[in-house]
Amino acid sequence: DNQHEGYSTLERMDGANNYNVWLGRRFQEH
């Protein structure tokens, strides 16, 4: 309920599944 500034961006980024898989693969390589 917009009481925790900055959380909106984290929560919305969590829904970007394809983007997160992309980042995850970069990390997993190493």
All heavy atoms as atom14 arrays in JSON, in Angstrom:
{
  "sequence": "DNQHEGYSTLERMDGANNYNVWLGRRFQEH",
  "atom14_mask": [
    [1, 1, 1, 1, 1, 1, 1, 1, 0, 0, 0, 0, 0, 0],
    [1, 1, 1, 1, 1, 1, 1, 1, 0, 0, 0, 0, 0, 0],
    [1, 1, 1, 1, 1, 1, 1, 1, 1, 0, 0, 0, 0, 0],
    [1, 1, 1, 1, 1, 1, 1, 1, 1, 1, 0, 0, 0, 0],
    [1, 1, 1, 1, 1, 1, 1, 1, 1, 0, 0, 0, 0, 0],
    [1, 1, 1, 1, 0, 0, 0, 0, 0, 0, 0, 0, 0, 0],
    [1, 1, 1, 1, 1, 1, 1, 1, 1, 1, 1, 1, 0, 0],
    [1, 1, 1, 1, 1, 1, 0, 0, 0, 0, 0, 0, 0, 0],
    [1, 1, 1, 1, 1, 1, 1, 0, 0, 0, 0, 0, 0, 0],
    [1, 1, 1, 1, 1, 1, 1, 1, 0, 0, 0, 0, 0, 0],
    [1, 1, 1, 1, 1, 1, 1, 1, 1, 0, 0, 0, 0, 0],
    [1, 1, 1, 1, 1, 1, 1, 1, 1, 1, 1, 0, 0, 0],
    [1, 1, 1, 1, 1, 1, 1, 1, 0, 0, 0, 0, 0, 0],
    [1, 1, 1, 1, 1, 1, 1, 1, 0, 0, 0, 0, 0, 0],
    [1, 1, 1, 1, 0, 0, 0, 0, 0, 0, 0, 0, 0, 0],
    [1, 1, 1, 1, 1, 0, 0, 0, 0, 0, 0, 0, 0, 0],
    [1, 1, 1, 1, 1, 1, 1, 1, 0, 0, 0, 0, 0, 0],
    [1, 1, 1, 1, 1, 1, 1, 1, 0, 0, 0, 0, 0, 0],
    [1, 1, 1, 1, 1, 1, 1, 1, 1, 1, 1, 1, 0, 0],
    [1, 1, 1, 1, 1, 1, 1, 1, 0, 0, 0, 0, 0, 0],
    [1, 1, 1, 1, 1, 1, 1, 0, 0, 0, 0, 0, 0, 0],
    [1, 1, 1, 1, 1, 1, 1, 1, 1, 1, 1, 1, 1, 1],
    [1, 1, 1, 1, 1, 1, 1, 1, 0, 0, 0, 0, 0, 0],
    [1, 1, 1, 1, 0, 0, 0, 0, 0, 0, 0, 0, 0, 0],
    [1, 1, 1, 1, 1, 1, 1, 1, 1, 1, 1, 0, 0, 0],
    [1, 1, 1, 1, 1, 1, 1, 1, 1, 1, 1, 0, 0, 0],
    [1, 1, 1, 1, 1, 1, 1, 1, 1, 1, 1, 0, 0, 0],
    [1, 1, 1, 1, 1, 1, 1, 1, 1, 0, 0, 0, 0, 0],
    [1, 1, 1, 1, 1, 1, 1, 1, 1, 0, 0, 0, 0, 0],
    [1, 1, 1, 1, 1, 1, 1, 1, 1, 1, 0, 0, 0, 0]
  ],
  "atom14_positions": [
    [[0.83, -1.21, 0.0], [0.0, 0.0, 0.0], [0.86, 1.26, 0.0], [0.54, 2.25, 0.66], [-0.98, -0.01, 1.19], [-1.97, -1.16, 1.08], [-2.52, -1.36, -0.02], [-2.14, -1.89, 2.07], [0.0, 0.0, 0.0], [0.0, 0.0, 0.0], [0.0, 0.0, 0.0], [0.0, 0.0, 0.0], [0.0, 0.0, 0.0], [0.0, 0.0, 0.0]],
    [[1.96, 1.19, -0.76], [2.87, 2.33, -0.97], [3.47, 2.87, 0.33], [3.86, 4.02, 0.4], [2.15, 3.46, -1.72], [1.68, 3.03, -3.1], [2.17, 2.06, -3.65], [0.72, 3.74, -3.64], [0.0, 0.0, 0.0], [0.0, 0.0, 0.0], [0.0, 0.0, 0.0], [0.0, 0.0, 0.0], [0.0, 0.0, 0.0], [0.0, 0.0, 0.0]],
    [[3.56, 2.02, 1.35], [4.12, 2.44, 2.63], [5.61, 2.14, 2.73], [6.25, 2.51, 3.71], [3.39, 1.73, 3.79], [1.91, 2.06, 3.87], [1.66, 3.53, 4.09], [2.17, 4.11, 5.04], [0.88, 4.14, 3.22], [0.0, 0.0, 0.0], [0.0, 0.0, 0.0], [0.0, 0.0, 0.0], [0.0, 0.0, 0.0], [0.0, 0.0, 0.0]],
    [[6.19, 1.49, 1.73], [7.59, 1.07, 1.8], [8.26, 1.48, 0.5], [8.28, 0.72, -0.46], [7.65, -0.44, 2.02], [8.96, -0.92, 2.57], [10.08, -1.09, 1.78], [9.33, -1.27, 3.83], [11.08, -1.54, 2.52], [10.65, -1.66, 3.76], [0.0, 0.0, 0.0], [0.0, 0.0, 0.0], [0.0, 0.0, 0.0], [0.0, 0.0, 0.0]],
    [[8.77, 2.7, 0.45], [9.3, 3.24, -0.8], [10.47, 2.4, -1.3], [11.34, 1.98, -0.55], [9.76, 4.69, -0.6], [10.11, 5.36, -1.93], [10.37, 6.84, -1.78], [11.14, 7.22, -0.88], [9.82, 7.6, -2.58], [0.0, 0.0, 0.0], [0.0, 0.0, 0.0], [0.0, 0.0, 0.0], [0.0, 0.0, 0.0], [0.0, 0.0, 0.0]],
    [[10.49, 2.2, -2.62], [11.52, 1.36, -3.23], [11.03, -0.05, -3.46], [11.5, -0.74, -4.36], [0.0, 0.0, 0.0], [0.0, 0.0, 0.0], [0.0, 0.0, 0.0], [0.0, 0.0, 0.0], [0.0, 0.0, 0.0], [0.0, 0.0, 0.0], [0.0, 0.0, 0.0], [0.0, 0.0, 0.0], [0.0, 0.0, 0.0], [0.0, 0.0, 0.0]],
    [[10.06, -0.49, -2.63], [9.55, -1.84, -2.77], [8.79, -2.02, -4.08], [8.81, -3.09, -4.68], [8.66, -2.17, -1.58], [7.94, -3.5, -1.71], [8.65, -4.68, -1.81], [6.55, -3.56, -1.75], [8.0, -5.89, -1.93], [5.9, -4.76, -1.87], [6.63, -5.93, -1.97], [5.98, -7.12, -2.11], [0.0, 0.0, 0.0], [0.0, 0.0, 0.0]],
    [[8.1, -0.97, -4.54], [7.34, -1.07, -5.8], [8.23, -1.53, -6.93], [7.86, -2.41, -7.72], [6.71, 0.29, -6.16], [5.65, 0.59, -5.29], [0.0, 0.0, 0.0], [0.0, 0.0, 0.0], [0.0, 0.0, 0.0], [0.0, 0.0, 0.0], [0.0, 0.0, 0.0], [0.0, 0.0, 0.0], [0.0, 0.0, 0.0], [0.0, 0.0, 0.0]],
    [[9.42, -0.94, -7.03], [10.32, -1.31, -8.11], [10.78, -2.76, -7.97], [10.82, -3.52, -8.94], [11.53, -0.36, -8.14], [11.05, 0.96, -8.44], [12.53, -0.78, -9.2], [0.0, 0.0, 0.0], [0.0, 0.0, 0.0], [0.0, 0.0, 0.0], [0.0, 0.0, 0.0], [0.0, 0.0, 0.0], [0.0, 0.0, 0.0], [0.0, 0.0, 0.0]],
    [[11.13, -3.19, -6.74], [11.55, -4.57, -6.54], [10.43, -5.54, -6.89], [10.65, -6.57, -7.54], [11.96, -4.78, -5.09], [13.28, -4.17, -4.63], [13.53, -4.51, -3.17], [14.44, -4.64, -5.49], [0.0, 0.0, 0.0], [0.0, 0.0, 0.0], [0.0, 0.0, 0.0], [0.0, 0.0, 0.0], [0.0, 0.0, 0.0], [0.0, 0.0, 0.0]],
    [[9.21, -5.23, -6.46], [8.07, -6.1, -6.69], [7.77, -6.21, -8.18], [7.47, -7.28, -8.7], [6.87, -5.58, -5.9], [5.63, -6.45, -5.98], [4.7, -6.03, -7.11], [4.7, -4.85, -7.48], [3.98, -6.91, -7.63], [0.0, 0.0, 0.0], [0.0, 0.0, 0.0], [0.0, 0.0, 0.0], [0.0, 0.0, 0.0], [0.0, 0.0, 0.0]],
    [[7.85, -5.09, -8.88], [7.56, -5.12, -10.3], [8.66, -5.83, -11.08], [8.39, -6.55, -12.04], [7.37, -3.68, -10.82], [6.08, -3.07, -10.28], [5.93, -1.6, -10.63], [4.74, -1.05, -9.95], [4.37, 0.22, -10.03], [5.07, 1.08, -10.74], [3.28, 0.62, -9.4], [0.0, 0.0, 0.0], [0.0, 0.0, 0.0], [0.0, 0.0, 0.0]],
    [[9.9, -5.64, -10.65], [10.99, -6.36, -11.3], [10.87, -7.86, -11.09], [11.25, -8.66, -11.96], [12.34, -5.87, -10.77], [12.72, -4.47, -11.2], [12.75, -4.22, -12.99], [14.01, -5.39, -13.48], [0.0, 0.0, 0.0], [0.0, 0.0, 0.0], [0.0, 0.0, 0.0], [0.0, 0.0, 0.0], [0.0, 0.0, 0.0], [0.0, 0.0, 0.0]],
    [[10.29, -8.27, -9.95], [10.11, -9.7, -9.68], [9.17, -10.32, -10.7], [9.26, -11.52, -10.98], [9.57, -9.89, -8.26], [9.61, -11.34, -7.83], [10.71, -11.91, -7.78], [8.53, -11.91, -7.57], [0.0, 0.0, 0.0], [0.0, 0.0, 0.0], [0.0, 0.0, 0.0], [0.0, 0.0, 0.0], [0.0, 0.0, 0.0], [0.0, 0.0, 0.0]],
    [[8.26, -9.52, -11.25], [7.32, -10.03, -12.25], [7.89, -10.08, -13.65], [7.25, -10.61, -14.56], [0.0, 0.0, 0.0], [0.0, 0.0, 0.0], [0.0, 0.0, 0.0], [0.0, 0.0, 0.0], [0.0, 0.0, 0.0], [0.0, 0.0, 0.0], [0.0, 0.0, 0.0], [0.0, 0.0, 0.0], [0.0, 0.0, 0.0], [0.0, 0.0, 0.0]],
    [[9.08, -9.51, -13.85], [9.73, -9.54, -15.17], [10.47, -10.86, -15.34], [11.7, -10.92, -15.28], [10.66, -8.34, -15.32], [0.0, 0.0, 0.0], [0.0, 0.0, 0.0], [0.0, 0.0, 0.0], [0.0, 0.0, 0.0], [0.0, 0.0, 0.0], [0.0, 0.0, 0.0], [0.0, 0.0, 0.0], [0.0, 0.0, 0.0], [0.0, 0.0, 0.0]],
    [[9.73, -11.92, -15.56], [10.3, -13.27, -15.51], [11.39, -13.5, -16.55], [12.43, -14.09, -16.25], [9.18, -14.31, -15.68], [8.17, -14.25, -14.55], [8.53, -14.05, -13.4], [6.9, -14.4, -14.88], [0.0, 0.0, 0.0], [0.0, 0.0, 0.0], [0.0, 0.0, 0.0], [0.0, 0.0, 0.0], [0.0, 0.0, 0.0], [0.0, 0.0, 0.0]],
    [[11.14, -13.06, -17.78], [12.13, -13.28, -18.83], [13.43, -12.53, -18.54], [14.53, -13.06, -18.75], [11.57, -12.84, -20.18], [10.41, -13.7, -20.63], [10.41, -14.91, -20.43], [9.4, -13.09, -21.23], [0.0, 0.0, 0.0], [0.0, 0.0, 0.0], [0.0, 0.0, 0.0], [0.0, 0.0, 0.0], [0.0, 0.0, 0.0], [0.0, 0.0, 0.0]],
    [[13.29, -11.3, -18.08], [14.48, -10.49, -17.75], [15.27, -11.14, -16.62], [16.51, -11.21, -16.67], [14.03, -9.09, -17.35], [15.16, -8.19, -16.9], [16.09, -7.68, -17.8], [15.28, -7.84, -15.56], [17.12, -6.85, -17.38], [16.31, -7.02, -15.13], [17.23, -6.52, -16.05], [18.25, -5.72, -15.63], [0.0, 0.0, 0.0], [0.0, 0.0, 0.0]],
    [[14.56, -11.65, -15.61], [15.24, -12.27, -14.47], [15.94, -13.57, -14.87], [17.03, -13.88, -14.37], [14.24, -12.51, -13.34], [13.7, -11.22, -12.77], [14.4, -10.22, -12.72], [12.44, -11.22, -12.36], [0.0, 0.0, 0.0], [0.0, 0.0, 0.0], [0.0, 0.0, 0.0], [0.0, 0.0, 0.0], [0.0, 0.0, 0.0], [0.0, 0.0, 0.0]],
    [[15.33, -14.34, -15.76], [15.98, -15.55, -16.26], [17.26, -15.17, -17.01], [18.3, -15.84, -16.89], [15.02, -16.34, -17.17], [15.77, -17.44, -17.93], [13.91, -16.97, -16.34], [0.0, 0.0, 0.0], [0.0, 0.0, 0.0], [0.0, 0.0, 0.0], [0.0, 0.0, 0.0], [0.0, 0.0, 0.0], [0.0, 0.0, 0.0], [0.0, 0.0, 0.0]],
    [[17.19, -14.1, -17.76], [18.36, -13.59, -18.49], [19.5, -13.28, -17.51], [20.63, -13.75, -17.69], [17.93, -12.36, -19.26], [19.01, -11.64, -20.03], [20.25, -12.1, -20.37], [18.92, -10.31, -20.55], [20.94, -11.15, -21.07], [20.16, -10.04, -21.21], [17.94, -9.34, -20.55], [20.41, -8.81, -21.83], [18.19, -8.12, -21.18], [19.4, -7.87, -21.8]],
    [[19.19, -12.52, -16.47], [20.22, -12.2, -15.48], [20.71, -13.46, -14.78], [21.92, -13.63, -14.54], [19.67, -11.22, -14.45], [19.28, -9.82, -14.93], [18.87, -8.96, -13.74], [20.41, -9.17, -15.69], [0.0, 0.0, 0.0], [0.0, 0.0, 0.0], [0.0, 0.0, 0.0], [0.0, 0.0, 0.0], [0.0, 0.0, 0.0], [0.0, 0.0, 0.0]],
    [[19.77, -14.34, -14.42], [20.14, -15.56, -13.72], [21.14, -16.39, -14.5], [22.09, -16.95, -13.94], [0.0, 0.0, 0.0], [0.0, 0.0, 0.0], [0.0, 0.0, 0.0], [0.0, 0.0, 0.0], [0.0, 0.0, 0.0], [0.0, 0.0, 0.0], [0.0, 0.0, 0.0], [0.0, 0.0, 0.0], [0.0, 0.0, 0.0], [0.0, 0.0, 0.0]],
    [[20.95, -16.47, -15.8], [21.87, -17.26, -16.64], [23.27, -16.65, -16.65], [24.27, -17.39, -16.67], [21.32, -17.35, -18.06], [20.15, -18.32, -18.19], [19.57, -18.3, -19.57], [18.45, -19.24, -19.69], [17.57, -19.22, -20.68], [17.66, -18.31, -21.65], [16.59, -20.1, -20.71], [0.0, 0.0, 0.0], [0.0, 0.0, 0.0], [0.0, 0.0, 0.0]],
    [[23.34, -15.32, -16.63], [24.65, -14.68, -16.59], [25.39, -15.06, -15.32], [26.59, -15.34, -15.34], [24.52, -13.15, -16.68], [23.98, -12.62, -18.0], [24.81, -13.03, -19.2], [26.2, -12.61, -19.12], [26.66, -11.45, -19.57], [25.84, -10.57, -20.12], [27.95, -11.16, -19.47], [0.0, 0.0, 0.0], [0.0, 0.0, 0.0], [0.0, 0.0, 0.0]],
    [[24.68, -15.06, -14.19], [25.32, -15.44, -12.93], [25.65, -16.93, -12.89], [26.72, -17.33, -12.44], [24.4, -15.08, -11.76], [24.34, -13.61, -11.44], [23.15, -12.91, -11.55], [25.47, -12.93, -11.02], [23.1, -11.56, -11.27], [25.43, -11.58, -10.72], [24.23, -10.88, -10.85], [0.0, 0.0, 0.0], [0.0, 0.0, 0.0], [0.0, 0.0, 0.0]],
    [[24.72, -17.76, -13.37], [24.91, -19.21, -13.28], [26.15, -19.69, -14.01], [26.77, -20.69, -13.63], [23.67, -19.91, -13.82], [22.47, -19.82, -12.91], [21.18, -20.23, -13.6], [21.16, -20.54, -14.78], [20.08, -20.2, -12.85], [0.0, 0.0, 0.0], [0.0, 0.0, 0.0], [0.0, 0.0, 0.0], [0.0, 0.0, 0.0], [0.0, 0.0, 0.0]],
    [[26.55, -18.99, -15.07], [27.73, -19.37, -15.83], [29.0, -19.36, -14.98], [29.99, -20.02, -15.31], [27.92, -18.42, -17.01], [26.85, -18.53, -18.09], [27.0, -17.43, -19.14], [27.99, -16.65, -19.05], [26.14, -17.34, -20.02], [0.0, 0.0, 0.0], [0.0, 0.0, 0.0], [0.0, 0.0, 0.0], [0.0, 0.0, 0.0], [0.0, 0.0, 0.0]],
    [[28.98, -18.62, -13.87], [30.2, -18.42, -13.08], [30.05, -18.85, -11.62], [30.97, -18.65, -10.83], [30.59, -16.94, -13.13], [30.68, -16.38, -14.51], [31.76, -16.6, -15.33], [29.79, -15.65, -15.24], [31.56, -16.01, -16.5], [30.38, -15.42, -16.47], [0.0, 0.0, 0.0], [0.0, 0.0, 0.0], [0.0, 0.0, 0.0], [0.0, 0.0, 0.0]]
  ]
}
